[in-house]
Amino acid sequence: MKRVLICLVAVYCLLCFSMTVSASDEVKKTSDEGISADAKEVKADAVKIYKESKDAIVRDVTEIKENVPKDLKEAKDSLIQQSKEIKESAKQELKEIRDNMNNPSLKPKEDCK
């Protein structure tokens, strides 16, 4: 009787253990598939973000390459124009100074008051 009882308990334990193992295998397969799907989705998103950022960088670099020479030319033209204005202003002042030195009788209107 003890032997039969021990055998029944052993069979019961084996059945419970085998059910648990098969259930855990199913859960593991399901979770592995879920993890695999999540990993693929993350990878796809990472590739998408990489391509978008690469395209943005390329677009920015080409824009900079196009704009820098144009901006340099504008800056150069602006400096040339400013230097011409300064030169003309200096010439005018020098001419006024020479005229005043040659004709000391001519006084500016401010001094006459």
N, C-alpha and C. Protein backbone atom coordinates (compact mmCIF):
# COMPACT_ATOMS: atom_id res chain seq x y z
N MET A 1 0.82 -1.17 0.00
CA MET A 1 0.00 0.00 0.00
C MET A 1 0.87 1.26 0.00
N LYS A 2 1.93 1.21 0.79
CA LYS A 2 2.84 2.35 0.82
C LYS A 2 3.50 2.52 -0.55
N ARG A 3 3.84 1.41 -1.17
CA ARG A 3 4.48 1.49 -2.49
C ARG A 3 3.53 2.11 -3.51
N VAL A 4 2.31 1.73 -3.51
CA VAL A 4 1.33 2.26 -4.45
C VAL A 4 1.15 3.75 -4.20
N LEU A 5 1.05 4.13 -2.96
CA LEU A 5 0.90 5.53 -2.61
C LEU A 5 2.12 6.34 -3.03
N ILE A 6 3.29 5.83 -2.82
CA ILE A 6 4.53 6.50 -3.22
C ILE A 6 4.59 6.61 -4.74
N CYS A 7 4.20 5.56 -5.44
CA CYS A 7 4.20 5.59 -6.92
C CYS A 7 3.20 6.62 -7.43
N LEU A 8 2.02 6.68 -6.81
CA LEU A 8 1.01 7.66 -7.23
C LEU A 8 1.52 9.10 -7.00
N VAL A 9 2.15 9.34 -5.88
CA VAL A 9 2.69 10.67 -5.58
C VAL A 9 3.79 11.02 -6.58
N ALA A 10 4.64 10.02 -6.90
CA ALA A 10 5.72 10.26 -7.86
C ALA A 10 5.16 10.55 -9.25
N VAL A 11 4.15 9.80 -9.68
CA VAL A 11 3.52 10.03 -10.98
C VAL A 11 2.86 11.41 -11.01
N TYR A 12 2.18 11.75 -9.92
CA TYR A 12 1.54 13.05 -9.83
C TYR A 12 2.58 14.18 -9.94
N CYS A 13 3.69 14.03 -9.25
CA CYS A 13 4.76 15.05 -9.31
C CYS A 13 5.32 15.16 -10.73
N LEU A 14 5.52 14.01 -11.38
CA LEU A 14 6.04 14.03 -12.75
C LEU A 14 5.06 14.71 -13.70
N LEU A 15 3.77 14.41 -13.57
CA LEU A 15 2.77 15.05 -14.42
C LEU A 15 2.73 16.56 -14.20
N CYS A 16 2.74 16.96 -12.95
CA CYS A 16 2.72 18.41 -12.64
C CYS A 16 3.97 19.09 -13.20
N PHE A 17 5.11 18.44 -13.01
CA PHE A 17 6.35 19.02 -13.50
C PHE A 17 6.35 19.13 -15.03
N SER A 18 5.87 18.06 -15.72
CA SER A 18 5.86 18.09 -17.19
C SER A 18 4.88 19.14 -17.71
N MET A 19 3.75 19.32 -17.04
CA MET A 19 2.79 20.36 -17.44
C MET A 19 3.39 21.75 -17.25
N THR A 20 4.09 21.92 -16.16
CA THR A 20 4.71 23.21 -15.88
C THR A 20 5.80 23.51 -16.90
N VAL A 21 6.58 22.50 -17.25
CA VAL A 21 7.66 22.70 -18.22
C VAL A 21 7.09 23.02 -19.59
N SER A 22 6.06 22.31 -20.02
CA SER A 22 5.48 22.58 -21.33
C SER A 22 4.80 23.95 -21.35
N ALA A 23 4.16 24.30 -20.25
CA ALA A 23 3.53 25.63 -20.16
C ALA A 23 4.58 26.72 -20.19
N SER A 24 5.69 26.51 -19.50
CA SER A 24 6.73 27.52 -19.49
C SER A 24 7.39 27.62 -20.86
N ASP A 25 7.50 26.49 -21.59
CA ASP A 25 8.03 26.54 -22.95
C ASP A 25 7.13 27.37 -23.85
N GLU A 26 5.82 27.19 -23.71
CA GLU A 26 4.87 27.99 -24.51
C GLU A 26 4.98 29.46 -24.15
N VAL A 27 5.06 29.75 -22.87
CA VAL A 27 5.20 31.14 -22.43
C VAL A 27 6.52 31.70 -22.93
N LYS A 28 7.57 30.88 -22.87
CA LYS A 28 8.87 31.33 -23.31
C LYS A 28 8.86 31.59 -24.82
N LYS A 29 8.23 30.69 -25.59
CA LYS A 29 8.14 30.90 -27.04
C LYS A 29 7.35 32.16 -27.35
N THR A 30 6.25 32.34 -26.64
CA THR A 30 5.43 33.52 -26.85
C THR A 30 6.20 34.79 -26.48
N SER A 31 6.89 34.75 -25.34
CA SER A 31 7.63 35.93 -24.93
C SER A 31 8.83 36.16 -25.85
N ASP A 32 9.46 35.06 -26.35
CA ASP A 32 10.55 35.22 -27.30
C ASP A 32 10.06 35.85 -28.59
N GLU A 33 8.89 35.43 -29.04
CA GLU A 33 8.32 36.02 -30.25
C GLU A 33 7.97 37.48 -30.03
N GLY A 34 7.43 37.79 -28.86
CA GLY A 34 7.10 39.18 -28.54
C GLY A 34 8.35 40.04 -28.46
N ILE A 35 9.38 39.50 -27.83
CA ILE A 35 10.64 40.24 -27.73
C ILE A 35 11.26 40.41 -29.11
N SER A 36 11.18 39.37 -29.92
CA SER A 36 11.72 39.45 -31.27
C SER A 36 11.00 40.50 -32.10
N ALA A 37 9.67 40.54 -31.98
CA ALA A 37 8.89 41.55 -32.71
C ALA A 37 9.23 42.95 -32.22
N ASP A 38 9.36 43.10 -30.90
CA ASP A 38 9.72 44.41 -30.34
C ASP A 38 11.11 44.83 -30.80
N ALA A 39 12.03 43.88 -30.84
CA ALA A 39 13.40 44.19 -31.28
C ALA A 39 13.40 44.62 -32.75
N LYS A 40 12.61 43.94 -33.57
CA LYS A 40 12.53 44.33 -34.99
C LYS A 40 11.94 45.72 -35.14
N GLU A 41 10.93 46.02 -34.33
CA GLU A 41 10.31 47.33 -34.40
C GLU A 41 11.28 48.43 -33.97
N VAL A 42 12.02 48.17 -32.89
CA VAL A 42 13.01 49.14 -32.41
C VAL A 42 14.09 49.34 -33.46
N LYS A 43 14.53 48.24 -34.07
CA LYS A 43 15.55 48.33 -35.11
C LYS A 43 15.05 49.15 -36.29
N ALA A 44 13.82 48.90 -36.71
CA ALA A 44 13.24 49.65 -37.84
C ALA A 44 13.16 51.14 -37.50
N ASP A 45 12.75 51.47 -36.27
CA ASP A 45 12.68 52.87 -35.87
C ASP A 45 14.06 53.50 -35.82
N ALA A 46 15.04 52.75 -35.33
CA ALA A 46 16.41 53.28 -35.25
C ALA A 46 16.97 53.54 -36.64
N VAL A 47 16.71 52.63 -37.58
CA VAL A 47 17.17 52.82 -38.96
C VAL A 47 16.48 54.03 -39.58
N LYS A 48 15.20 54.17 -39.32
CA LYS A 48 14.44 55.31 -39.86
C LYS A 48 15.00 56.63 -39.33
N ILE A 49 15.26 56.69 -38.03
CA ILE A 49 15.80 57.91 -37.42
C ILE A 49 17.20 58.19 -37.97
N TYR A 50 18.00 57.15 -38.13
CA TYR A 50 19.35 57.31 -38.69
C TYR A 50 19.30 57.90 -40.09
N LYS A 51 18.42 57.36 -40.92
CA LYS A 51 18.32 57.85 -42.31
C LYS A 51 17.82 59.29 -42.34
N GLU A 52 16.84 59.61 -41.49
CA GLU A 52 16.32 60.98 -41.46
C GLU A 52 17.39 61.96 -41.00
N SER A 53 18.13 61.59 -39.97
CA SER A 53 19.18 62.51 -39.49
C SER A 53 20.31 62.62 -40.50
N LYS A 54 20.63 61.54 -41.19
CA LYS A 54 21.67 61.59 -42.23
C LYS A 54 21.22 62.51 -43.36
N ASP A 55 19.96 62.38 -43.78
CA ASP A 55 19.44 63.25 -44.84
C ASP A 55 19.44 64.71 -44.40
N ALA A 56 19.09 64.96 -43.14
CA ALA A 56 19.07 66.33 -42.63
C ALA A 56 20.48 66.92 -42.61
N ILE A 57 21.45 66.12 -42.21
CA ILE A 57 22.83 66.60 -42.17
C ILE A 57 23.33 66.91 -43.58
N VAL A 58 23.04 66.02 -44.52
CA VAL A 58 23.47 66.23 -45.91
C VAL A 58 22.81 67.49 -46.46
N ARG A 59 21.52 67.67 -46.16
CA ARG A 59 20.79 68.85 -46.64
C ARG A 59 21.40 70.12 -46.05
N ASP A 60 21.71 70.09 -44.75
CA ASP A 60 22.30 71.27 -44.10
C ASP A 60 23.68 71.59 -44.67
N VAL A 61 24.48 70.56 -44.91
CA VAL A 61 25.83 70.79 -45.45
C VAL A 61 25.76 71.38 -46.84
N THR A 62 24.86 70.87 -47.68
CA THR A 62 24.74 71.44 -49.03
C THR A 62 24.24 72.87 -48.98
N GLU A 63 23.33 73.14 -48.07
CA GLU A 63 22.82 74.51 -47.93
C GLU A 63 23.94 75.44 -47.49
N ILE A 64 24.77 74.98 -46.57
CA ILE A 64 25.90 75.80 -46.11
C ILE A 64 26.88 76.03 -47.26
N LYS A 65 27.15 74.96 -48.03
CA LYS A 65 28.08 75.10 -49.17
C LYS A 65 27.57 76.11 -50.18
N GLU A 66 26.24 76.17 -50.37
CA GLU A 66 25.68 77.11 -51.32
C GLU A 66 25.64 78.53 -50.77
N ASN A 67 25.37 78.67 -49.48
CA ASN A 67 25.18 80.00 -48.90
C ASN A 67 26.47 80.70 -48.53
N VAL A 68 27.51 79.97 -48.17
CA VAL A 68 28.75 80.60 -47.71
C VAL A 68 29.38 81.48 -48.80
N PRO A 69 29.54 80.99 -50.03
CA PRO A 69 30.12 81.89 -51.04
C PRO A 69 29.25 83.12 -51.30
N LYS A 70 27.94 82.94 -51.30
CA LYS A 70 27.05 84.07 -51.52
C LYS A 70 27.16 85.07 -50.37
N ASP A 71 27.20 84.58 -49.15
CA ASP A 71 27.33 85.46 -47.99
C ASP A 71 28.68 86.18 -47.98
N LEU A 72 29.74 85.46 -48.36
CA LEU A 72 31.06 86.09 -48.43
C LEU A 72 31.09 87.20 -49.48
N LYS A 73 30.45 86.95 -50.61
CA LYS A 73 30.41 87.97 -51.67
C LYS A 73 29.64 89.19 -51.18
N GLU A 74 28.51 88.98 -50.49
CA GLU A 74 27.74 90.10 -49.96
C GLU A 74 28.55 90.88 -48.93
N ALA A 75 29.27 90.18 -48.06
CA ALA A 75 30.10 90.86 -47.06
C ALA A 75 31.21 91.66 -47.73
N LYS A 76 31.81 91.07 -48.76
CA LYS A 76 32.88 91.76 -49.49
C LYS A 76 32.34 93.02 -50.15
N ASP A 77 31.18 92.91 -50.81
CA ASP A 77 30.58 94.07 -51.47
C ASP A 77 30.22 95.15 -50.45
N SER A 78 29.72 94.73 -49.29
CA SER A 78 29.37 95.68 -48.25
C SER A 78 30.61 96.42 -47.74
N LEU A 79 31.69 95.68 -47.52
CA LEU A 79 32.93 96.31 -47.07
C LEU A 79 33.49 97.27 -48.12
N ILE A 80 33.41 96.88 -49.37
CA ILE A 80 33.88 97.77 -50.45
C ILE A 80 33.06 99.05 -50.47
N GLN A 81 31.73 98.92 -50.34
CA GLN A 81 30.87 100.10 -50.35
C GLN A 81 31.17 101.00 -49.16
N GLN A 82 31.35 100.40 -47.98
CA GLN A 82 31.67 101.20 -46.79
C GLN A 82 33.01 101.90 -46.94
N SER A 83 33.99 101.20 -47.49
CA SER A 83 35.30 101.84 -47.65
C SER A 83 35.24 102.98 -48.66
N LYS A 84 34.42 102.82 -49.71
CA LYS A 84 34.25 103.92 -50.67
C LYS A 84 33.60 105.12 -50.00
N GLU A 85 32.58 104.87 -49.17
CA GLU A 85 31.91 105.97 -48.47
C GLU A 85 32.86 106.67 -47.52
N ILE A 86 33.66 105.90 -46.80
CA ILE A 86 34.64 106.47 -45.87
C ILE A 86 35.68 107.28 -46.64
N LYS A 87 36.12 106.76 -47.77
CA LYS A 87 37.11 107.46 -48.59
C LYS A 87 36.56 108.78 -49.09
N GLU A 88 35.33 108.77 -49.59
CA GLU A 88 34.71 110.01 -50.08
C GLU A 88 34.53 111.02 -48.95
N SER A 89 34.12 110.52 -47.78
CA SER A 89 33.94 111.41 -46.63
C SER A 89 35.27 112.02 -46.21
N ALA A 90 36.31 111.20 -46.20
CA ALA A 90 37.64 111.71 -45.84
C ALA A 90 38.13 112.72 -46.86
N LYS A 91 37.89 112.46 -48.15
CA LYS A 91 38.30 113.41 -49.19
C LYS A 91 37.58 114.74 -49.01
N GLN A 92 36.29 114.66 -48.71
CA GLN A 92 35.51 115.89 -48.54
C GLN A 92 36.02 116.69 -47.34
N GLU A 93 36.29 116.03 -46.24
CA GLU A 93 36.80 116.72 -45.06
C GLU A 93 38.18 117.32 -45.32
N LEU A 94 39.04 116.55 -45.99
CA LEU A 94 40.37 117.06 -46.32
C LEU A 94 40.27 118.28 -47.22
N LYS A 95 39.36 118.24 -48.18
CA LYS A 95 39.17 119.38 -49.08
C LYS A 95 38.70 120.61 -48.31
N GLU A 96 37.77 120.38 -47.36
CA GLU A 96 37.28 121.51 -46.55
C GLU A 96 38.41 122.08 -45.70
N ILE A 97 39.23 121.21 -45.14
CA ILE A 97 40.36 121.68 -44.31
C ILE A 97 41.33 122.48 -45.16
N ARG A 98 41.66 122.01 -46.35
CA ARG A 98 42.58 122.73 -47.24
C ARG A 98 42.00 124.08 -47.65
N ASP A 99 40.70 124.07 -47.96
CA ASP A 99 40.06 125.33 -48.34
C ASP A 99 40.10 126.33 -47.19
N ASN A 100 39.88 125.88 -46.00
CA ASN A 100 39.92 126.76 -44.83
C ASN A 100 41.34 127.24 -44.55
N MET A 101 42.34 126.40 -44.82
CA MET A 101 43.71 126.82 -44.60
C MET A 101 44.15 127.83 -45.67
N ASN A 102 43.69 127.64 -46.90
CA ASN A 102 44.06 128.56 -47.98
C ASN A 102 43.31 129.89 -47.86
N ASN A 103 42.12 129.85 -47.39
CA ASN A 103 41.32 131.07 -47.23
C ASN A 103 40.91 131.23 -45.77
N PRO A 104 41.78 131.74 -44.96
CA PRO A 104 41.45 131.86 -43.54
C PRO A 104 40.32 132.85 -43.28
N SER A 105 40.05 133.74 -44.21
CA SER A 105 38.98 134.70 -44.00
C SER A 105 37.61 134.01 -44.03
N LEU A 106 37.54 132.94 -44.71
CA LEU A 106 36.27 132.21 -44.73
C LEU A 106 36.15 131.43 -43.42
N LYS A 107 35.14 131.75 -42.70
CA LYS A 107 34.94 131.08 -41.43
C LYS A 107 33.62 130.31 -41.49
N PRO A 108 33.56 129.25 -40.75
CA PRO A 108 32.30 128.52 -40.75
C PRO A 108 31.18 129.38 -40.19
N LYS A 109 29.99 129.08 -40.56
CA LYS A 109 28.82 129.87 -40.15
C LYS A 109 28.63 129.87 -38.65
N GLU A 110 29.05 128.86 -38.00
CA GLU A 110 28.89 128.76 -36.54
C GLU A 110 29.75 129.83 -35.84
N ASP A 111 30.92 130.13 -36.37
CA ASP A 111 31.80 131.11 -35.74
C ASP A 111 31.26 132.53 -35.91
N CYS A 112 30.46 132.81 -36.90
CA CYS A 112 29.95 134.14 -37.17
C CYS A 112 28.92 134.57 -36.15
N LYS A 113 28.32 133.70 -35.50
CA LYS A 113 27.25 134.06 -34.56
C LYS A 113 27.77 134.70 -33.34
